[in-house]
Amino acid sequence: MTDWNDEVERVRRLRADRTKVGHGERPAVVVVDFQRAFTEHEHIGPETAVTLGHAQTLLEAARAAGVPVIYLVMVLDDLDDRMLAQRVRSSLTERCRRGDPWTEISSAVPAAPTDHIVEKTVASGFYRTRLDDLLAELDVDELVVIGTSTSGCVRATVVDAAYRSFRVSVVEECCDDFRVLSREASLWDMQDRFGDVVSLEHMLGRFAELGARAQTAPDAEVVR
């Protein structure tokens, strides 16, 4: 019989040892579904507030470094716009009608005036949205992904990003999921097949480097 505690530790070791794809040159942070509907519902635990705090730290560092920030938000004009499984089963997406306060971005991670907001109707941020065009306009080659749920909308967006050959960095401490085992399995699956799972400390260090590089770039131009 499987000991799930042992299995979780095993996949964490596998994830840590898996070959990394590596970073790109022009990242953007993609914030997946940090809306009230998915961060304030009745199934969340205390970990959600911690995750949102980490996410806000990351977002502040990204903006300071000049890294674009893109929020994905689920907004439905009609509940029939949802995929079949969500129409058949009870789902938190029932709270995502346009104009419903539940669709608002969590006040713990507010969007800045310089950020971009992309509406979607299904789990993936790429399905019938303007995300592809926006990433092309921003000349992005790496997505730094945070959000909720790790096993649902985060994973779906990561998979579609990988299909487009973006480099993907999923920041572990900034991804939430009240389905604990699904979260662990999804982090391993994304590291194994689609991108890299990285720590918040690592990504903060990288943004600091990008910010320092941007500050010195004009001086380098003058010297040449």
C-alpha atoms as a PDB file:
ATOM      1  CA  MET A   1       0.000   0.000   0.000  1.00  0.00           C
ATOM      2  CA  THR A   2       1.331   3.434  -0.956  1.00  0.00           C
ATOM      3  CA  ASP A   3       2.521   5.668   1.870  1.00  0.00           C
ATOM      4  CA  TRP A   4       1.580   9.098   0.548  1.00  0.00           C
ATOM      5  CA  ASN A   5       3.961  10.905   2.892  1.00  0.00           C
ATOM      6  CA  ASP A   6       6.823   8.896   1.413  1.00  0.00           C
ATOM      7  CA  GLU A   7       5.533   9.506  -2.089  1.00  0.00           C
ATOM      8  CA  VAL A   8       5.403  13.269  -1.583  1.00  0.00           C
ATOM      9  CA  GLU A   9       8.981  13.266  -0.322  1.00  0.00           C
ATOM     10  CA  ARG A  10      10.029  11.127  -3.277  1.00  0.00           C
ATOM     11  CA  VAL A  11       8.554  13.460  -5.900  1.00  0.00           C
ATOM     12  CA  ARG A  12      10.067  16.476  -4.143  1.00  0.00           C
ATOM     13  CA  ARG A  13      13.493  14.853  -4.443  1.00  0.00           C
ATOM     14  CA  LEU A  14      12.843  14.023  -8.086  1.00  0.00           C
ATOM     15  CA  ARG A  15      11.763  17.604  -8.735  1.00  0.00           C
ATOM     16  CA  ALA A  16      14.880  19.047  -7.139  1.00  0.00           C
ATOM     17  CA  ASP A  17      17.152  16.792  -9.216  1.00  0.00           C
ATOM     18  CA  ARG A  18      15.396  17.209 -12.568  1.00  0.00           C
ATOM     19  CA  THR A  19      17.340  18.977 -15.315  1.00  0.00           C
ATOM     20  CA  LYS A  20      16.382  22.653 -15.558  1.00  0.00           C
ATOM     21  CA  VAL A  21      15.306  24.267 -18.828  1.00  0.00           C
ATOM     22  CA  GLY A  22      16.747  27.591 -17.682  1.00  0.00           C
ATOM     23  CA  HIS A  23      15.778  31.237 -17.909  1.00  0.00           C
ATOM     24  CA  GLY A  24      15.186  33.430 -20.902  1.00  0.00           C
ATOM     25  CA  GLU A  25      16.305  37.006 -21.491  1.00  0.00           C
ATOM     26  CA  ARG A  26      12.968  38.827 -21.370  1.00  0.00           C
ATOM     27  CA  PRO A  27      10.646  37.494 -18.654  1.00  0.00           C
ATOM     28  CA  ALA A  28       7.138  38.524 -17.733  1.00  0.00           C
ATOM     29  CA  VAL A  29       5.266  37.550 -14.572  1.00  0.00           C
ATOM     30  CA  VAL A  30       1.916  35.861 -15.230  1.00  0.00           C
ATOM     31  CA  VAL A  31      -0.462  35.993 -12.264  1.00  0.00           C
ATOM     32  CA  VAL A  32      -3.095  33.285 -12.622  1.00  0.00           C
ATOM     33  CA  ASP A  33      -6.539  33.791 -11.079  1.00  0.00           C
ATOM     34  CA  PHE A  34      -5.625  35.520  -7.837  1.00  0.00           C
ATOM     35  CA  GLN A  35      -9.237  36.713  -7.679  1.00  0.00           C
ATOM     36  CA  ARG A  36     -11.567  36.790  -4.703  1.00  0.00           C
ATOM     37  CA  ALA A  37     -13.505  33.802  -6.073  1.00  0.00           C
ATOM     38  CA  PHE A  38     -10.408  31.631  -5.761  1.00  0.00           C
ATOM     39  CA  THR A  39      -8.628  33.163  -2.756  1.00  0.00           C
ATOM     40  CA  GLU A  40     -11.514  33.752  -0.330  1.00  0.00           C
ATOM     41  CA  HIS A  41     -13.699  30.686  -0.735  1.00  0.00           C
ATOM     42  CA  GLU A  42     -14.711  28.310   2.028  1.00  0.00           C
ATOM     43  CA  HIS A  43     -12.108  25.613   1.283  1.00  0.00           C
ATOM     44  CA  ILE A  44      -8.952  27.694   1.602  1.00  0.00           C
ATOM     45  CA  GLY A  45      -6.604  27.296   4.537  1.00  0.00           C
ATOM     46  CA  PRO A  46      -4.085  29.601   6.212  1.00  0.00           C
ATOM     47  CA  GLU A  47      -1.549  28.789   3.487  1.00  0.00           C
ATOM     48  CA  THR A  48      -3.433  30.992   1.021  1.00  0.00           C
ATOM     49  CA  ALA A  49      -2.669  34.198   2.912  1.00  0.00           C
ATOM     50  CA  VAL A  50       0.983  33.184   3.156  1.00  0.00           C
ATOM     51  CA  THR A  51       1.110  32.492  -0.577  1.00  0.00           C
ATOM     52  CA  LEU A  52      -0.460  35.857  -1.387  1.00  0.00           C
ATOM     53  CA  GLY A  53       2.108  37.584   0.810  1.00  0.00           C
ATOM     54  CA  HIS A  54       4.934  35.870  -1.059  1.00  0.00           C
ATOM     55  CA  ALA A  55       3.306  36.768  -4.352  1.00  0.00           C
ATOM     56  CA  GLN A  56       3.116  40.449  -3.449  1.00  0.00           C
ATOM     57  CA  THR A  57       6.818  40.411  -2.572  1.00  0.00           C
ATOM     58  CA  LEU A  58       7.598  38.898  -5.958  1.00  0.00           C
ATOM     59  CA  LEU A  59       5.377  41.378  -7.818  1.00  0.00           C
ATOM     60  CA  GLU A  60       7.009  44.359  -6.147  1.00  0.00           C
ATOM     61  CA  ALA A  61      10.436  43.030  -7.120  1.00  0.00           C
ATOM     62  CA  ALA A  62       9.337  42.414 -10.708  1.00  0.00           C
ATOM     63  CA  ARG A  63       7.965  45.919 -11.135  1.00  0.00           C
ATOM     64  CA  ALA A  64      11.090  47.438  -9.602  1.00  0.00           C
ATOM     65  CA  ALA A  65      13.179  45.506 -12.129  1.00  0.00           C
ATOM     66  CA  GLY A  66      11.024  46.628 -15.057  1.00  0.00           C
ATOM     67  CA  VAL A  67       9.619  43.129 -15.635  1.00  0.00           C
ATOM     68  CA  PRO A  68       6.086  43.220 -17.113  1.00  0.00           C
ATOM     69  CA  VAL A  69       3.268  41.835 -14.971  1.00  0.00           C
ATOM     70  CA  ILE A  70       0.203  40.212 -16.536  1.00  0.00           C
ATOM     71  CA  TYR A  71      -2.880  39.234 -14.542  1.00  0.00           C
ATOM     72  CA  LEU A  72      -5.119  36.472 -15.877  1.00  0.00           C
ATOM     73  CA  VAL A  73      -8.682  36.782 -14.595  1.00  0.00           C
ATOM     74  CA  MET A  74     -11.675  34.575 -15.230  1.00  0.00           C
ATOM     75  CA  VAL A  75     -14.635  36.711 -16.295  1.00  0.00           C
ATOM     76  CA  LEU A  76     -17.777  35.174 -17.810  1.00  0.00           C
ATOM     77  CA  ASP A  77     -20.514  37.029 -19.644  1.00  0.00           C
ATOM     78  CA  ASP A  78     -22.608  33.872 -19.355  1.00  0.00           C
ATOM     79  CA  LEU A  79     -22.056  30.739 -17.262  1.00  0.00           C
ATOM     80  CA  ASP A  80     -22.622  28.735 -20.443  1.00  0.00           C
ATOM     81  CA  ASP A  81     -19.276  30.093 -21.650  1.00  0.00           C
ATOM     82  CA  ARG A  82     -17.602  27.595 -19.306  1.00  0.00           C
ATOM     83  CA  MET A  83     -16.286  24.213 -20.423  1.00  0.00           C
ATOM     84  CA  LEU A  84     -18.701  21.298 -20.158  1.00  0.00           C
ATOM     85  CA  ALA A  85     -17.311  19.756 -16.958  1.00  0.00           C
ATOM     86  CA  GLN A  86     -17.741  23.041 -15.083  1.00  0.00           C
ATOM     87  CA  ARG A  87     -21.292  23.400 -16.350  1.00  0.00           C
ATOM     88  CA  VAL A  88     -22.157  19.882 -15.176  1.00  0.00           C
ATOM     89  CA  ARG A  89     -20.442  20.014 -11.782  1.00  0.00           C
ATOM     90  CA  SER A  90     -20.529  22.593  -9.029  1.00  0.00           C
ATOM     91  CA  SER A  91     -17.568  24.919  -9.520  1.00  0.00           C
ATOM     92  CA  LEU A  92     -16.128  28.120  -8.101  1.00  0.00           C
ATOM     93  CA  THR A  93     -16.428  29.511 -11.625  1.00  0.00           C
ATOM     94  CA  GLU A  94     -20.103  30.070 -10.825  1.00  0.00           C
ATOM     95  CA  ARG A  95     -18.875  33.205  -9.011  1.00  0.00           C
ATOM     96  CA  CYS A  96     -17.125  34.616 -12.073  1.00  0.00           C
ATOM     97  CA  ARG A  97     -19.923  36.445 -13.890  1.00  0.00           C
ATOM     98  CA  ARG A  98     -18.915  39.850 -15.167  1.00  0.00           C
ATOM     99  CA  GLY A  99     -19.688  42.519 -12.565  1.00  0.00           C
ATOM    100  CA  ASP A 100     -19.704  40.083  -9.628  1.00  0.00           C
ATOM    101  CA  PRO A 101     -17.405  41.306  -6.798  1.00  0.00           C
ATOM    102  CA  TRP A 102     -15.973  37.771  -6.622  1.00  0.00           C
ATOM    103  CA  THR A 103     -14.197  38.387  -9.949  1.00  0.00           C
ATOM    104  CA  GLU A 104     -12.125  41.229  -8.462  1.00  0.00           C
ATOM    105  CA  ILE A 105      -8.371  40.725  -8.022  1.00  0.00           C
ATOM    106  CA  SER A 106      -7.477  39.995  -4.406  1.00  0.00           C
ATOM    107  CA  SER A 107      -6.643  43.127  -2.441  1.00  0.00           C
ATOM    108  CA  ALA A 108      -3.559  41.276  -1.169  1.00  0.00           C
ATOM    109  CA  VAL A 109      -1.991  41.414  -4.652  1.00  0.00           C
ATOM    110  CA  PRO A 110      -3.462  44.515  -6.325  1.00  0.00           C
ATOM    111  CA  ALA A 111      -2.648  45.318  -9.921  1.00  0.00           C
ATOM    112  CA  ALA A 112      -0.496  48.376 -10.560  1.00  0.00           C
ATOM    113  CA  PRO A 113      -1.368  50.932 -13.268  1.00  0.00           C
ATOM    114  CA  THR A 114       1.473  49.589 -15.416  1.00  0.00           C
ATOM    115  CA  ASP A 115       0.245  45.973 -15.243  1.00  0.00           C
ATOM    116  CA  HIS A 116      -1.735  44.185 -17.932  1.00  0.00           C
ATOM    117  CA  ILE A 117      -5.025  42.342 -17.376  1.00  0.00           C
ATOM    118  CA  VAL A 118      -6.157  39.527 -19.672  1.00  0.00           C
ATOM    119  CA  GLU A 119      -9.631  38.030 -19.334  1.00  0.00           C
ATOM    120  CA  LYS A 120     -10.212  34.322 -19.900  1.00  0.00           C
ATOM    121  CA  THR A 121     -13.110  31.858 -19.712  1.00  0.00           C
ATOM    122  CA  VAL A 122     -11.337  28.518 -19.107  1.00  0.00           C
ATOM    123  CA  ALA A 123      -8.352  27.257 -17.145  1.00  0.00           C
ATOM    124  CA  SER A 124      -5.627  28.130 -19.646  1.00  0.00           C
ATOM    125  CA  GLY A 125      -4.684  31.767 -20.088  1.00  0.00           C
ATOM    126  CA  PHE A 126      -4.034  31.133 -23.787  1.00  0.00           C
ATOM    127  CA  TYR A 127      -7.399  29.747 -24.909  1.00  0.00           C
ATOM    128  CA  ARG A 128      -9.198  32.363 -27.030  1.00  0.00           C
ATOM    129  CA  THR A 129      -7.559  35.281 -25.234  1.00  0.00           C
ATOM    130  CA  ARG A 130      -5.220  38.100 -26.222  1.00  0.00           C
ATOM    131  CA  LEU A 131      -2.321  36.650 -24.233  1.00  0.00           C
ATOM    132  CA  ASP A 132      -0.399  35.420 -27.284  1.00  0.00           C
ATOM    133  CA  ASP A 133      -0.556  38.851 -28.921  1.00  0.00           C
ATOM    134  CA  LEU A 134       0.383  40.638 -25.703  1.00  0.00           C
ATOM    135  CA  LEU A 135       3.440  38.451 -25.136  1.00  0.00           C
ATOM    136  CA  ALA A 136       4.522  39.106 -28.713  1.00  0.00           C
ATOM    137  CA  GLU A 137       4.116  42.858 -28.211  1.00  0.00           C
ATOM    138  CA  LEU A 138       6.204  42.690 -25.033  1.00  0.00           C
ATOM    139  CA  ASP A 139       8.819  40.506 -26.780  1.00  0.00           C
ATOM    140  CA  VAL A 140       8.730  37.987 -23.924  1.00  0.00           C
ATOM    141  CA  ASP A 141      10.602  34.684 -24.009  1.00  0.00           C
ATOM    142  CA  GLU A 142      10.010  33.480 -20.429  1.00  0.00           C
ATOM    143  CA  LEU A 143       6.910  33.297 -18.255  1.00  0.00           C
ATOM    144  CA  VAL A 144       7.326  33.504 -14.485  1.00  0.00           C
ATOM    145  CA  VAL A 145       4.078  31.907 -13.352  1.00  0.00           C
ATOM    146  CA  ILE A 146       2.334  32.347 -10.004  1.00  0.00           C
ATOM    147  CA  GLY A 147      -1.286  31.957  -8.938  1.00  0.00           C
ATOM    148  CA  THR A 148      -4.020  29.460  -8.198  1.00  0.00           C
ATOM    149  CA  SER A 149      -4.870  26.715  -8.456  1.00  0.00           C
ATOM    150  CA  THR A 150      -1.546  24.982  -9.015  1.00  0.00           C
ATOM    151  CA  SER A 151      -3.240  21.817 -10.279  1.00  0.00           C
ATOM    152  CA  GLY A 152      -5.820  23.631 -12.419  1.00  0.00           C
ATOM    153  CA  CYS A 153      -5.402  27.013 -14.046  1.00  0.00           C
ATOM    154  CA  VAL A 154      -1.680  27.365 -13.267  1.00  0.00           C
ATOM    155  CA  ARG A 155      -0.875  23.968 -14.741  1.00  0.00           C
ATOM    156  CA  ALA A 156      -3.089  24.503 -17.806  1.00  0.00           C
ATOM    157  CA  THR A 157      -1.420  27.829 -18.551  1.00  0.00           C
ATOM    158  CA  VAL A 158       2.055  26.352 -18.039  1.00  0.00           C
ATOM    159  CA  VAL A 159       1.306  23.461 -20.399  1.00  0.00           C
ATOM    160  CA  ASP A 160       0.086  25.800 -23.139  1.00  0.00           C
ATOM    161  CA  ALA A 161       3.106  28.079 -22.615  1.00  0.00           C
ATOM    162  CA  ALA A 162       5.424  25.090 -23.003  1.00  0.00           C
ATOM    163  CA  TYR A 163       3.642  24.081 -26.223  1.00  0.00           C
ATOM    164  CA  ARG A 164       4.583  27.538 -27.536  1.00  0.00           C
ATOM    165  CA  SER A 165       8.223  26.961 -26.513  1.00  0.00           C
ATOM    166  CA  PHE A 166       8.313  29.674 -23.875  1.00  0.00           C
ATOM    167  CA  ARG A 167      10.709  29.103 -21.032  1.00  0.00           C
ATOM    168  CA  VAL A 168       8.579  28.679 -17.915  1.00  0.00           C
ATOM    169  CA  SER A 169       9.519  29.322 -14.286  1.00  0.00           C
ATOM    170  CA  VAL A 170       6.868  28.378 -11.717  1.00  0.00           C
ATOM    171  CA  VAL A 171       7.567  30.037  -8.362  1.00  0.00           C
ATOM    172  CA  GLU A 172       6.700  27.396  -5.778  1.00  0.00           C
ATOM    173  CA  GLU A 173       5.939  29.626  -2.771  1.00  0.00           C
ATOM    174  CA  CYS A 174       3.696  31.844  -4.902  1.00  0.00           C
ATOM    175  CA  CYS A 175       1.351  29.082  -6.096  1.00  0.00           C
ATOM    176  CA  ASP A 176      -1.688  28.072  -4.054  1.00  0.00           C
ATOM    177  CA  ASP A 177      -3.952  25.018  -4.071  1.00  0.00           C
ATOM    178  CA  PHE A 178      -6.253  23.702  -1.379  1.00  0.00           C
ATOM    179  CA  ARG A 179      -5.872  20.248  -3.002  1.00  0.00           C
ATOM    180  CA  VAL A 180      -2.615  19.387  -1.267  1.00  0.00           C
ATOM    181  CA  LEU A 181      -1.719  16.163  -3.079  1.00  0.00           C
ATOM    182  CA  SER A 182      -2.784  17.602  -6.431  1.00  0.00           C
ATOM    183  CA  ARG A 183      -0.447  20.526  -5.830  1.00  0.00           C
ATOM    184  CA  GLU A 184       2.549  18.281  -5.154  1.00  0.00           C
ATOM    185  CA  ALA A 185       1.792  16.085  -8.149  1.00  0.00           C
ATOM    186  CA  SER A 186       1.357  19.103 -10.404  1.00  0.00           C
ATOM    187  CA  LEU A 187       4.606  20.758  -9.315  1.00  0.00           C
ATOM    188  CA  TRP A 188       6.440  17.531 -10.109  1.00  0.00           C
ATOM    189  CA  ASP A 189       4.606  17.136 -13.420  1.00  0.00           C
ATOM    190  CA  MET A 190       5.420  20.699 -14.506  1.00  0.00           C
ATOM    191  CA  GLN A 191       9.098  20.322 -13.530  1.00  0.00           C
ATOM    192  CA  ASP A 192       9.335  16.944 -15.229  1.00  0.00           C
ATOM    193  CA  ARG A 193       7.649  17.872 -18.515  1.00  0.00           C
ATOM    194  CA  PHE A 194       6.975  21.540 -19.108  1.00  0.00           C
ATOM    195  CA  GLY A 195       9.317  23.979 -17.342  1.00  0.00           C
ATOM    196  CA  ASP A 196      11.140  24.735 -14.124  1.00  0.00           C
ATOM    197  CA  VAL A 197       9.846  25.007 -10.569  1.00  0.00           C
ATOM    198  CA  VAL A 198      11.967  27.582  -8.746  1.00  0.00           C
ATOM    199  CA  SER A 199      12.074  29.137  -5.294  1.00  0.00           C
ATOM    200  CA  LEU A 200      10.958  32.635  -4.384  1.00  0.00           C
ATOM    201  CA  GLU A 201      14.478  33.407  -3.139  1.00  0.00           C
ATOM    202  CA  HIS A 202      15.936  32.403  -6.488  1.00  0.00           C
ATOM    203  CA  MET A 203      13.524  34.543  -8.474  1.00  0.00           C
ATOM    204  CA  LEU A 204      13.979  37.579  -6.222  1.00  0.00           C
ATOM    205  CA  GLY A 205      17.712  37.309  -6.791  1.00  0.00           C
ATOM    206  CA  ARG A 206      17.189  37.102 -10.527  1.00  0.00           C
ATOM    207  CA  PHE A 207      14.925  40.159 -10.586  1.00  0.00           C
ATOM    208  CA  ALA A 208      17.520  42.073  -8.571  1.00  0.00           C
ATOM    209  CA  GLU A 209      20.124  41.182 -11.211  1.00  0.00           C
ATOM    210  CA  LEU A 210      17.805  42.251 -14.038  1.00  0.00           C
ATOM    211  CA  GLY A 211      17.096  45.545 -12.290  1.00  0.00           C
ATOM    212  CA  ALA A 212      20.804  46.245 -11.778  1.00  0.00           C
ATOM    213  CA  ARG A 213      21.510  45.410 -15.401  1.00  0.00           C
ATOM    214  CA  ALA A 214      18.808  47.788 -16.593  1.00  0.00           C
ATOM    215  CA  GLN A 215      20.237  50.614 -14.480  1.00  0.00           C
ATOM    216  CA  THR A 216      23.728  50.198 -15.912  1.00  0.00           C
ATOM    217  CA  ALA A 217      22.671  49.695 -19.532  1.00  0.00           C
ATOM    218  CA  PRO A 218      22.508  53.436 -20.464  1.00  0.00           C
ATOM    219  CA  ASP A 219      26.049  54.004 -19.118  1.00  0.00           C
ATOM    220  CA  ALA A 220      27.271  51.055 -21.158  1.00  0.00           C
ATOM    221  CA  GLU A 221      25.761  52.643 -24.283  1.00  0.00           C
ATOM    222  CA  VAL A 222      27.586  55.909 -23.606  1.00  0.00           C
ATOM    223  CA  VAL A 223      30.932  54.133 -23.215  1.00  0.00           C
ATOM    224  CA  ARG A 224      30.530  52.418 -26.575  1.00  0.00           C
END
